[in-house]
Amino acid sequence: MTNRETITKLIKENNRYETPEEMSELMNESFKSVFNEEGDFIEPNNQATQKELRNIVVHKQRISKLLEGVDVRKAMGPDGVSGWTLRECRDQSGM
């Protein structure tokens, strides 16, 4: 059995919106202000950074210890990999 609650009113800047049409319009405007069309991605020039990244030393034990502490309840990062996957597969990295 599901328990659903209905939104009966919205308040923004001391204005009340109570009809479904008013609330719909308010929500639509709110979402439009946040979600907009993204432009073309321009890859940054990383030449200076690449020179610095050539001498990275990685220790499997340290990485494993860091991944062990990942909070699996948090949302995925920009790579789309969940914290649970990172933590559970930490010893399978092939390093």
PDB file of N, CA and C in Angstrom:
ATOM      1  N   MET A   1       0.847  -1.167   0.000  1.00  0.00           N
ATOM      2  CA  MET A   1       0.000   0.000   0.000  1.00  0.00           C
ATOM      3  C   MET A   1       0.897   1.237   0.000  1.00  0.00           C
ATOM      4  N   THR A   2       0.572   2.203  -0.840  1.00  0.00           N
ATOM      5  CA  THR A   2       1.361   3.430  -0.913  1.00  0.00           C
ATOM      6  C   THR A   2       0.598   4.586  -0.288  1.00  0.00           C
ATOM      7  N   ASN A   3       1.345   5.455   0.327  1.00  0.00           N
ATOM      8  CA  ASN A   3       0.760   6.645   0.921  1.00  0.00           C
ATOM      9  C   ASN A   3       1.265   7.847   0.136  1.00  0.00           C
ATOM     10  N   ARG A   4       0.386   8.476  -0.610  1.00  0.00           N
ATOM     11  CA  ARG A   4       0.776   9.641  -1.400  1.00  0.00           C
ATOM     12  C   ARG A   4       0.127  10.883  -0.819  1.00  0.00           C
ATOM     13  N   GLU A   5       0.915  11.922  -0.769  1.00  0.00           N
ATOM     14  CA  GLU A   5       0.385  13.196  -0.311  1.00  0.00           C
ATOM     15  C   GLU A   5       0.261  14.123  -1.505  1.00  0.00           C
ATOM     16  N   THR A   6      -0.736  14.965  -1.484  1.00  0.00           N
ATOM     17  CA  THR A   6      -0.969  15.908  -2.565  1.00  0.00           C
ATOM     18  C   THR A   6      -0.467  17.281  -2.158  1.00  0.00           C
ATOM     19  N   ILE A   7       0.199  17.942  -3.074  1.00  0.00           N
ATOM     20  CA  ILE A   7       0.628  19.318  -2.823  1.00  0.00           C
ATOM     21  C   ILE A   7      -0.586  20.213  -3.021  1.00  0.00           C
ATOM     22  N   THR A   8      -0.933  20.961  -1.986  1.00  0.00           N
ATOM     23  CA  THR A   8      -2.140  21.796  -2.059  1.00  0.00           C
ATOM     24  C   THR A   8      -1.841  23.255  -2.358  1.00  0.00           C
ATOM     25  N   LYS A   9      -0.606  23.696  -2.088  1.00  0.00           N
ATOM     26  CA  LYS A   9      -0.254  25.082  -2.380  1.00  0.00           C
ATOM     27  C   LYS A   9       1.262  25.218  -2.423  1.00  0.00           C
ATOM     28  N   LEU A  10       1.708  26.227  -3.141  1.00  0.00           N
ATOM     29  CA  LEU A  10       3.116  26.596  -3.189  1.00  0.00           C
ATOM     30  C   LEU A  10       3.217  28.070  -2.838  1.00  0.00           C
ATOM     31  N   ILE A  11       4.293  28.426  -2.159  1.00  0.00           N
ATOM     32  CA  ILE A  11       4.500  29.820  -1.794  1.00  0.00           C
ATOM     33  C   ILE A  11       5.882  30.230  -2.290  1.00  0.00           C
ATOM     34  N   LYS A  12       5.910  31.333  -3.031  1.00  0.00           N
ATOM     35  CA  LYS A  12       7.183  31.873  -3.500  1.00  0.00           C
ATOM     36  C   LYS A  12       7.108  33.383  -3.404  1.00  0.00           C
ATOM     37  N   GLU A  13       8.095  33.963  -2.732  1.00  0.00           N
ATOM     38  CA  GLU A  13       8.169  35.412  -2.547  1.00  0.00           C
ATOM     39  C   GLU A  13       6.849  35.975  -2.015  1.00  0.00           C
ATOM     40  N   ASN A  14       6.307  35.316  -1.000  1.00  0.00           N
ATOM     41  CA  ASN A  14       5.060  35.708  -0.326  1.00  0.00           C
ATOM     42  C   ASN A  14       3.822  35.636  -1.215  1.00  0.00           C
ATOM     43  N   ASN A  15       3.907  34.978  -2.350  1.00  0.00           N
ATOM     44  CA  ASN A  15       2.742  34.759  -3.214  1.00  0.00           C
ATOM     45  C   ASN A  15       2.316  33.304  -3.091  1.00  0.00           C
ATOM     46  N   ARG A  16       1.018  33.087  -2.975  1.00  0.00           N
ATOM     47  CA  ARG A  16       0.474  31.727  -2.853  1.00  0.00           C
ATOM     48  C   ARG A  16      -0.046  31.265  -4.204  1.00  0.00           C
ATOM     49  N   TYR A  17       0.283  30.040  -4.540  1.00  0.00           N
ATOM     50  CA  TYR A  17      -0.182  29.419  -5.777  1.00  0.00           C
ATOM     51  C   TYR A  17      -0.952  28.169  -5.370  1.00  0.00           C
ATOM     52  N   GLU A  18      -2.250  28.146  -5.627  1.00  0.00           N
ATOM     53  CA  GLU A  18      -3.088  27.065  -5.117  1.00  0.00           C
ATOM     54  C   GLU A  18      -3.757  26.228  -6.192  1.00  0.00           C
ATOM     55  N   THR A  19      -3.992  26.768  -7.352  1.00  0.00           N
ATOM     56  CA  THR A  19      -4.645  25.957  -8.390  1.00  0.00           C
ATOM     57  C   THR A  19      -3.594  25.104  -9.094  1.00  0.00           C
ATOM     58  N   PRO A  20      -4.003  23.968  -9.637  1.00  0.00           N
ATOM     59  CA  PRO A  20      -3.041  23.123 -10.356  1.00  0.00           C
ATOM     60  C   PRO A  20      -2.342  23.875 -11.492  1.00  0.00           C
ATOM     61  N   GLU A  21      -3.061  24.747 -12.172  1.00  0.00           N
ATOM     62  CA  GLU A  21      -2.470  25.511 -13.272  1.00  0.00           C
ATOM     63  C   GLU A  21      -1.394  26.468 -12.762  1.00  0.00           C
ATOM     64  N   GLU A  22      -1.691  27.169 -11.666  1.00  0.00           N
ATOM     65  CA  GLU A  22      -0.722  28.107 -11.090  1.00  0.00           C
ATOM     66  C   GLU A  22       0.527  27.375 -10.608  1.00  0.00           C
ATOM     67  N   MET A  23       0.314  26.257  -9.912  1.00  0.00           N
ATOM     68  CA  MET A  23       1.449  25.494  -9.398  1.00  0.00           C
ATOM     69  C   MET A  23       2.275  24.917 -10.543  1.00  0.00           C
ATOM     70  N   SER A  24       1.602  24.446 -11.581  1.00  0.00           N
ATOM     71  CA  SER A  24       2.298  23.896 -12.737  1.00  0.00           C
ATOM     72  C   SER A  24       3.164  24.954 -13.410  1.00  0.00           C
ATOM     73  N   GLU A  25       2.619  26.134 -13.588  1.00  0.00           N
ATOM     74  CA  GLU A  25       3.359  27.226 -14.223  1.00  0.00           C
ATOM     75  C   GLU A  25       4.554  27.643 -13.370  1.00  0.00           C
ATOM     76  N   LEU A  26       4.363  27.720 -12.058  1.00  0.00           N
ATOM     77  CA  LEU A  26       5.449  28.082 -11.153  1.00  0.00           C
ATOM     78  C   LEU A  26       6.570  27.048 -11.209  1.00  0.00           C
ATOM     79  N   MET A  27       6.204  25.769 -11.166  1.00  0.00           N
ATOM     80  CA  MET A  27       7.212  24.705 -11.236  1.00  0.00           C
ATOM     81  C   MET A  27       7.933  24.729 -12.586  1.00  0.00           C
ATOM     82  N   ASN A  28       7.191  24.945 -13.654  1.00  0.00           N
ATOM     83  CA  ASN A  28       7.782  25.002 -14.986  1.00  0.00           C
ATOM     84  C   ASN A  28       8.811  26.128 -15.079  1.00  0.00           C
ATOM     85  N   GLU A  29       8.457  27.302 -14.590  1.00  0.00           N
ATOM     86  CA  GLU A  29       9.385  28.437 -14.613  1.00  0.00           C
ATOM     87  C   GLU A  29      10.614  28.155 -13.758  1.00  0.00           C
ATOM     88  N   SER A  30      10.399  27.513 -12.625  1.00  0.00           N
ATOM     89  CA  SER A  30      11.512  27.183 -11.743  1.00  0.00           C
ATOM     90  C   SER A  30      12.483  26.221 -12.421  1.00  0.00           C
ATOM     91  N   PHE A  31      11.957  25.178 -13.042  1.00  0.00           N
ATOM     92  CA  PHE A  31      12.818  24.213 -13.724  1.00  0.00           C
ATOM     93  C   PHE A  31      13.514  24.841 -14.925  1.00  0.00           C
ATOM     94  N   LYS A  32      12.818  25.681 -15.663  1.00  0.00           N
ATOM     95  CA  LYS A  32      13.435  26.328 -16.824  1.00  0.00           C
ATOM     96  C   LYS A  32      14.591  27.227 -16.407  1.00  0.00           C
ATOM     97  N   SER A  33      14.513  27.810 -15.222  1.00  0.00           N
ATOM     98  CA  SER A  33      15.596  28.684 -14.778  1.00  0.00           C
ATOM     99  C   SER A  33      16.838  27.891 -14.378  1.00  0.00           C
ATOM    100  N   VAL A  34      16.664  26.620 -14.055  1.00  0.00           N
ATOM    101  CA  VAL A  34      17.785  25.789 -13.623  1.00  0.00           C
ATOM    102  C   VAL A  34      18.344  24.957 -14.772  1.00  0.00           C
ATOM    103  N   PHE A  35      17.463  24.341 -15.546  1.00  0.00           N
ATOM    104  CA  PHE A  35      17.882  23.462 -16.628  1.00  0.00           C
ATOM    105  C   PHE A  35      17.825  24.226 -17.940  1.00  0.00           C
ATOM    106  N   ASN A  36      18.987  24.428 -18.524  1.00  0.00           N
ATOM    107  CA  ASN A  36      19.027  25.118 -19.807  1.00  0.00           C
ATOM    108  C   ASN A  36      19.901  24.337 -20.781  1.00  0.00           C
ATOM    109  N   GLU A  37      19.847  24.701 -22.022  1.00  0.00           N
ATOM    110  CA  GLU A  37      20.597  23.989 -23.045  1.00  0.00           C
ATOM    111  C   GLU A  37      22.086  24.244 -22.867  1.00  0.00           C
ATOM    112  N   GLU A  38      22.852  23.165 -22.917  1.00  0.00           N
ATOM    113  CA  GLU A  38      24.294  23.285 -22.781  1.00  0.00           C
ATOM    114  C   GLU A  38      24.913  23.550 -24.142  1.00  0.00           C
ATOM    115  N   GLY A  39      25.965  24.327 -24.152  1.00  0.00           N
ATOM    116  CA  GLY A  39      26.675  24.612 -25.391  1.00  0.00           C
ATOM    117  C   GLY A  39      27.646  23.493 -25.734  1.00  0.00           C
ATOM    118  N   ASP A  40      28.393  23.688 -26.797  1.00  0.00           N
ATOM    119  CA  ASP A  40      29.390  22.705 -27.208  1.00  0.00           C
ATOM    120  C   ASP A  40      30.504  22.646 -26.179  1.00  0.00           C
ATOM    121  N   PHE A  41      31.011  21.436 -25.961  1.00  0.00           N
ATOM    122  CA  PHE A  41      32.114  21.243 -25.028  1.00  0.00           C
ATOM    123  C   PHE A  41      33.419  21.547 -25.744  1.00  0.00           C
ATOM    124  N   ILE A  42      34.199  22.428 -25.175  1.00  0.00           N
ATOM    125  CA  ILE A  42      35.513  22.747 -25.729  1.00  0.00           C
ATOM    126  C   ILE A  42      36.547  22.177 -24.776  1.00  0.00           C
ATOM    127  N   GLU A  43      37.332  21.232 -25.280  1.00  0.00           N
ATOM    128  CA  GLU A  43      38.330  20.587 -24.438  1.00  0.00           C
ATOM    129  C   GLU A  43      39.431  21.585 -24.102  1.00  0.00           C
ATOM    130  N   PRO A  44      39.761  21.714 -22.823  1.00  0.00           N
ATOM    131  CA  PRO A  44      40.795  22.675 -22.434  1.00  0.00           C
ATOM    132  C   PRO A  44      42.178  22.224 -22.900  1.00  0.00           C
ATOM    133  N   ASN A  45      43.053  23.175 -23.043  1.00  0.00           N
ATOM    134  CA  ASN A  45      44.430  22.885 -23.415  1.00  0.00           C
ATOM    135  C   ASN A  45      45.166  22.427 -22.159  1.00  0.00           C
ATOM    136  N   ASN A  46      45.535  21.156 -22.108  1.00  0.00           N
ATOM    137  CA  ASN A  46      46.143  20.579 -20.903  1.00  0.00           C
ATOM    138  C   ASN A  46      47.626  20.283 -21.074  1.00  0.00           C
ATOM    139  N   GLN A  47      48.304  20.945 -21.964  1.00  0.00           N
ATOM    140  CA  GLN A  47      49.706  20.632 -22.203  1.00  0.00           C
ATOM    141  C   GLN A  47      50.547  20.808 -20.943  1.00  0.00           C
ATOM    142  N   ALA A  48      50.377  21.911 -20.225  1.00  0.00           N
ATOM    143  CA  ALA A  48      51.167  22.138 -19.016  1.00  0.00           C
ATOM    144  C   ALA A  48      50.830  21.101 -17.951  1.00  0.00           C
ATOM    145  N   THR A  49      49.569  20.753 -17.826  1.00  0.00           N
ATOM    146  CA  THR A  49      49.146  19.769 -16.835  1.00  0.00           C
ATOM    147  C   THR A  49      49.702  18.395 -17.164  1.00  0.00           C
ATOM    148  N   GLN A  50      49.693  18.035 -18.436  1.00  0.00           N
ATOM    149  CA  GLN A  50      50.168  16.712 -18.826  1.00  0.00           C
ATOM    150  C   GLN A  50      51.633  16.513 -18.450  1.00  0.00           C
ATOM    151  N   LYS A  51      52.446  17.536 -18.545  1.00  0.00           N
ATOM    152  CA  LYS A  51      53.852  17.409 -18.162  1.00  0.00           C
ATOM    153  C   LYS A  51      53.972  17.097 -16.674  1.00  0.00           C
ATOM    154  N   GLU A  52      53.118  17.711 -15.881  1.00  0.00           N
ATOM    155  CA  GLU A  52      53.169  17.492 -14.443  1.00  0.00           C
ATOM    156  C   GLU A  52      52.658  16.109 -14.053  1.00  0.00           C
ATOM    157  N   LEU A  53      51.787  15.519 -14.858  1.00  0.00           N
ATOM    158  CA  LEU A  53      51.179  14.242 -14.498  1.00  0.00           C
ATOM    159  C   LEU A  53      51.995  13.027 -14.927  1.00  0.00           C
ATOM    160  N   ARG A  54      53.133  13.219 -15.506  1.00  0.00           N
ATOM    161  CA  ARG A  54      53.927  12.081 -15.984  1.00  0.00           C
ATOM    162  C   ARG A  54      54.598  11.305 -14.858  1.00  0.00           C
ATOM    163  N   ASN A  55      54.819  11.910 -13.731  1.00  0.00           N
ATOM    164  CA  ASN A  55      55.572  11.253 -12.664  1.00  0.00           C
ATOM    165  C   ASN A  55      54.715  10.956 -11.440  1.00  0.00           C
ATOM    166  N   ILE A  56      53.505  10.495 -11.647  1.00  0.00           N
ATOM    167  CA  ILE A  56      52.628  10.166 -10.525  1.00  0.00           C
ATOM    168  C   ILE A  56      52.987   8.782  -9.994  1.00  0.00           C
ATOM    169  N   VAL A  57      53.094   8.678  -8.685  1.00  0.00           N
ATOM    170  CA  VAL A  57      53.345   7.392  -8.042  1.00  0.00           C
ATOM    171  C   VAL A  57      52.052   6.980  -7.345  1.00  0.00           C
ATOM    172  N   VAL A  58      51.564   5.785  -7.664  1.00  0.00           N
ATOM    173  CA  VAL A  58      50.315   5.282  -7.099  1.00  0.00           C
ATOM    174  C   VAL A  58      50.624   4.040  -6.275  1.00  0.00           C
ATOM    175  N   HIS A  59      50.122   4.014  -5.056  1.00  0.00           N
ATOM    176  CA  HIS A  59      50.312   2.860  -4.178  1.00  0.00           C
ATOM    177  C   HIS A  59      48.982   2.137  -4.027  1.00  0.00           C
ATOM    178  N   LYS A  60      48.938   0.887  -4.438  1.00  0.00           N
ATOM    179  CA  LYS A  60      47.695   0.114  -4.419  1.00  0.00           C
ATOM    180  C   LYS A  60      47.082   0.076  -3.021  1.00  0.00           C
ATOM    181  N   GLN A  61      47.899  -0.101  -1.998  1.00  0.00           N
ATOM    182  CA  GLN A  61      47.378  -0.191  -0.635  1.00  0.00           C
ATOM    183  C   GLN A  61      46.711   1.114  -0.205  1.00  0.00           C
ATOM    184  N   ARG A  62      47.298   2.240  -0.590  1.00  0.00           N
ATOM    185  CA  ARG A  62      46.722   3.532  -0.200  1.00  0.00           C
ATOM    186  C   ARG A  62      45.404   3.779  -0.924  1.00  0.00           C
ATOM    187  N   ILE A  63      45.357   3.430  -2.209  1.00  0.00           N
ATOM    188  CA  ILE A  63      44.122   3.590  -2.977  1.00  0.00           C
ATOM    189  C   ILE A  63      43.034   2.689  -2.400  1.00  0.00           C
ATOM    190  N   SER A  64      43.395   1.444  -2.092  1.00  0.00           N
ATOM    191  CA  SER A  64      42.433   0.502  -1.529  1.00  0.00           C
ATOM    192  C   SER A  64      41.881   1.022  -0.201  1.00  0.00           C
ATOM    193  N   LYS A  65      42.750   1.579   0.625  1.00  0.00           N
ATOM    194  CA  LYS A  65      42.325   2.121   1.919  1.00  0.00           C
ATOM    195  C   LYS A  65      41.374   3.311   1.720  1.00  0.00           C
ATOM    196  N   LEU A  66      41.670   4.178   0.753  1.00  0.00           N
ATOM    197  CA  LEU A  66      40.786   5.314   0.471  1.00  0.00           C
ATOM    198  C   LEU A  66      39.428   4.838  -0.034  1.00  0.00           C
ATOM    199  N   LEU A  67      39.429   3.859  -0.940  1.00  0.00           N
ATOM    200  CA  LEU A  67      38.174   3.357  -1.495  1.00  0.00           C
ATOM    201  C   LEU A  67      37.351   2.615  -0.449  1.00  0.00           C
ATOM    202  N   GLU A  68      38.021   2.034   0.534  1.00  0.00           N
ATOM    203  CA  GLU A  68      37.318   1.344   1.616  1.00  0.00           C
ATOM    204  C   GLU A  68      36.454   2.321   2.411  1.00  0.00           C
ATOM    205  N   GLY A  69      36.868   3.578   2.471  1.00  0.00           N
ATOM    206  CA  GLY A  69      36.134   4.579   3.233  1.00  0.00           C
ATOM    207  C   GLY A  69      35.079   5.336   2.440  1.00  0.00           C
ATOM    208  N   VAL A  70      34.846   4.947   1.178  1.00  0.00           N
ATOM    209  CA  VAL A  70      33.856   5.641   0.351  1.00  0.00           C
ATOM    210  C   VAL A  70      32.458   5.431   0.927  1.00  0.00           C
ATOM    211  N   ASP A  71      31.693   6.505   1.028  1.00  0.00           N
ATOM    212  CA  ASP A  71      30.320   6.440   1.535  1.00  0.00           C
ATOM    213  C   ASP A  71      29.410   5.955   0.413  1.00  0.00           C
ATOM    214  N   VAL A  72      28.917   4.731   0.533  1.00  0.00           N
ATOM    215  CA  VAL A  72      28.104   4.121  -0.527  1.00  0.00           C
ATOM    216  C   VAL A  72      26.718   4.748  -0.631  1.00  0.00           C
ATOM    217  N   ARG A  73      26.341   5.573   0.334  1.00  0.00           N
ATOM    218  CA  ARG A  73      25.022   6.209   0.301  1.00  0.00           C
ATOM    219  C   ARG A  73      25.011   7.486  -0.531  1.00  0.00           C
ATOM    220  N   LYS A  74      26.182   7.959  -0.917  1.00  0.00           N
ATOM    221  CA  LYS A  74      26.251   9.199  -1.699  1.00  0.00           C
ATOM    222  C   LYS A  74      25.987   8.928  -3.171  1.00  0.00           C
ATOM    223  N   ALA A  75      25.602   9.960  -3.877  1.00  0.00           N
ATOM    224  CA  ALA A  75      25.287   9.852  -5.308  1.00  0.00           C
ATOM    225  C   ALA A  75      26.545   9.585  -6.125  1.00  0.00           C
ATOM    226  N   MET A  76      26.323   9.077  -7.337  1.00  0.00           N
ATOM    227  CA  MET A  76      27.432   8.822  -8.246  1.00  0.00           C
ATOM    228  C   MET A  76      28.109  10.127  -8.621  1.00  0.00           C
ATOM    229  N   GLY A  77      29.380  10.027  -8.945  1.00  0.00           N
ATOM    230  CA  GLY A  77      30.117  11.189  -9.419  1.00  0.00           C
ATOM    231  C   GLY A  77      29.896  11.390 -10.906  1.00  0.00           C
ATOM    232  N   PRO A  78      30.621  12.324 -11.505  1.00  0.00           N
ATOM    233  CA  PRO A  78      30.443  12.605 -12.936  1.00  0.00           C
ATOM    234  C   PRO A  78      30.828  11.438 -13.836  1.00  0.00           C
ATOM    235  N   ASP A  79      31.599  10.493 -13.313  1.00  0.00           N
ATOM    236  CA  ASP A  79      31.976   9.328 -14.117  1.00  0.00           C
ATOM    237  C   ASP A  79      30.868   8.281 -14.165  1.00  0.00           C
ATOM    238  N   GLY A  80      29.827   8.437 -13.347  1.00  0.00           N
ATOM    239  CA  GLY A  80      28.703   7.504 -13.357  1.00  0.00           C
ATOM    240  C   GLY A  80      28.956   6.223 -12.584  1.00  0.00           C
ATOM    241  N   VAL A  81      30.035   6.155 -11.823  1.00  0.00           N
ATOM    242  CA  VAL A  81      30.356   4.956 -11.045  1.00  0.00           C
ATOM    243  C   VAL A  81      29.890   5.175  -9.612  1.00  0.00           C
ATOM    244  N   SER A  82      29.114   4.234  -9.103  1.00  0.00           N
ATOM    245  CA  SER A  82      28.590   4.381  -7.742  1.00  0.00           C
ATOM    246  C   SER A  82      29.683   4.130  -6.710  1.00  0.00           C
ATOM    247  N   GLY A  83      29.500   4.714  -5.545  1.00  0.00           N
ATOM    248  CA  GLY A  83      30.433   4.492  -4.444  1.00  0.00           C
ATOM    249  C   GLY A  83      30.495   3.034  -4.043  1.00  0.00           C
ATOM    250  N   TRP A  84      29.362   2.346  -4.123  1.00  0.00           N
ATOM    251  CA  TRP A  84      29.324   0.924  -3.784  1.00  0.00           C
ATOM    252  C   TRP A  84      30.237   0.143  -4.722  1.00  0.00           C
ATOM    253  N   THR A  85      30.167   0.438  -6.017  1.00  0.00           N
ATOM    254  CA  THR A  85      31.007  -0.260  -6.994  1.00  0.00           C
ATOM    255  C   THR A  85      32.480   0.012  -6.722  1.00  0.00           C
ATOM    256  N   LEU A  86      32.824   1.255  -6.463  1.00  0.00           N
ATOM    257  CA  LEU A  86      34.221   1.589  -6.177  1.00  0.00           C
ATOM    258  C   LEU A  86      34.729   0.837  -4.956  1.00  0.00           C
ATOM    259  N   ARG A  87      33.915   0.815  -3.903  1.00  0.00           N
ATOM    260  CA  ARG A  87      34.351   0.157  -2.673  1.00  0.00           C
ATOM    261  C   ARG A  87      34.448  -1.355  -2.845  1.00  0.00           C
ATOM    262  N   GLU A  88      33.439  -1.955  -3.460  1.00  0.00           N
ATOM    263  CA  GLU A  88      33.422  -3.410  -3.588  1.00  0.00           C
ATOM    264  C   GLU A  88      34.466  -3.934  -4.570  1.00  0.00           C
ATOM    265  N   CYS A  89      34.846  -3.127  -5.541  1.00  0.00           N
ATOM    266  CA  CYS A  89      35.801  -3.581  -6.562  1.00  0.00           C
ATOM    267  C   CYS A  89      37.203  -3.022  -6.338  1.00  0.00           C
ATOM    268  N   ARG A  90      37.471  -2.482  -5.173  1.00  0.00           N
ATOM    269  CA  ARG A  90      38.750  -1.815  -4.927  1.00  0.00           C
ATOM    270  C   ARG A  90      39.953  -2.729  -5.092  1.00  0.00           C
ATOM    271  N   ASP A  91      39.806  -4.017  -4.825  1.00  0.00           N
ATOM    272  CA  ASP A  91      40.943  -4.933  -4.943  1.00  0.00           C
ATOM    273  C   ASP A  91      41.053  -5.550  -6.331  1.00  0.00           C
ATOM    274  N   GLN A  92      40.141  -5.210  -7.236  1.00  0.00           N
ATOM    275  CA  GLN A  92      40.139  -5.769  -8.591  1.00  0.00           C
ATOM    276  C   GLN A  92      40.670  -4.777  -9.611  1.00  0.00           C
ATOM    277  N   SER A  93      41.362  -3.757  -9.169  1.00  0.00           N
ATOM    278  CA  SER A  93      41.763  -2.670 -10.060  1.00  0.00           C
ATOM    279  C   SER A  93      42.828  -3.071 -11.069  1.00  0.00           C
ATOM    280  N   GLY A  94      43.516  -4.167 -10.866  1.00  0.00           N
ATOM    281  CA  GLY A  94      44.528  -4.617 -11.815  1.00  0.00           C
ATOM    282  C   GLY A  94      45.850  -3.885 -11.690  1.00  0.00           C
ATOM    283  N   MET A  95      46.029  -3.135 -10.630  1.00  0.00           N
ATOM    284  CA  MET A  95      47.294  -2.409 -10.454  1.00  0.00           C
ATOM    285  C   MET A  95      48.355  -3.350  -9.928  1.00  0.00           C
TER     286      MET A  95
END
